Amino acid sequence: MIFEKVREIICEQFDVDEESVTLDTDIREDLDADSLDMVDLVMSFEDEFKIEVPDSAIETVKT
């Protein structure tokens, strides 16, 4: 499933256990992500899922 792959990417990037990442996880708050972390994360999603996310959407990513 998509969530499992997204969680895998998040866990790898933030070096956390899978149990730490749920559908309710706020990446900025719960994982202490800053703006550079978010850009790196979105780039990982873009590479993995072969998509393009507009820069303006990065600021709104929460989970």
Protein backbone atom coordinates (compact mmCIF):
# COMPACT_ATOMS: atom_id res chain seq x y z
CA MET A 1 0.00 0.00 0.00
CA ILE A 2 0.98 3.59 -0.46
CA PHE A 3 0.94 4.45 3.25
CA GLU A 4 3.46 1.72 4.01
CA LYS A 5 5.86 3.07 1.38
CA VAL A 6 5.38 6.65 2.59
CA ARG A 7 6.00 5.52 6.16
CA GLU A 8 9.12 3.64 5.07
CA ILE A 9 10.52 6.79 3.44
CA ILE A 10 9.70 8.93 6.48
CA CYS A 11 11.26 6.40 8.87
CA GLU A 12 14.40 6.20 6.79
CA GLN A 13 14.78 9.96 6.50
CA PHE A 14 14.06 10.74 10.16
CA ASP A 15 15.61 7.58 11.61
CA VAL A 16 12.50 6.58 13.57
CA ASP A 17 10.65 3.30 14.10
CA GLU A 18 7.60 2.50 12.01
CA GLU A 19 5.42 2.68 15.12
CA SER A 20 6.34 6.37 15.39
CA VAL A 21 4.69 7.17 12.06
CA THR A 22 0.92 6.88 11.82
CA LEU A 23 -1.77 8.55 9.76
CA ASP A 24 -2.06 11.09 12.60
CA THR A 25 1.64 11.96 12.74
CA ASP A 26 2.42 15.63 12.20
CA ILE A 27 5.82 15.53 10.54
CA ARG A 28 6.81 19.04 11.57
CA GLU A 29 5.63 18.75 15.17
CA ASP A 30 6.13 15.08 16.02
CA LEU A 31 9.36 14.52 14.10
CA ASP A 32 10.80 18.03 14.52
CA ALA A 33 11.09 18.53 10.76
CA ASP A 34 12.25 21.91 9.51
CA SER A 35 11.72 23.36 6.05
CA LEU A 36 14.84 21.68 4.62
CA ASP A 37 13.69 18.32 5.99
CA MET A 38 10.34 18.84 4.28
CA VAL A 39 11.97 19.65 0.94
CA ASP A 40 14.14 16.53 1.19
CA LEU A 41 11.12 14.43 2.12
CA VAL A 42 9.05 15.71 -0.79
CA MET A 43 11.96 15.07 -3.16
CA SER A 44 12.09 11.48 -1.90
CA PHE A 45 8.35 11.12 -2.54
CA GLU A 46 8.76 12.58 -6.01
CA ASP A 47 11.52 10.11 -6.84
CA GLU A 48 9.73 7.10 -5.41
CA PHE A 49 6.28 7.79 -6.86
CA LYS A 50 7.39 9.51 -10.08
CA ILE A 51 5.35 12.62 -9.28
CA GLU A 52 5.98 16.34 -9.10
CA VAL A 53 4.87 18.32 -6.06
CA PRO A 54 4.65 22.11 -6.44
CA ASP A 55 6.90 24.04 -4.06
CA SER A 56 3.86 25.85 -2.67
CA ALA A 57 2.41 22.53 -1.49
CA ILE A 58 5.44 21.69 0.65
CA GLU A 59 4.45 24.25 3.27
CA THR A 60 1.10 22.55 3.79
CA VAL A 61 2.40 19.00 4.32
CA LYS A 62 1.52 17.79 7.82
CA THR A 63 1.11 14.02 7.69
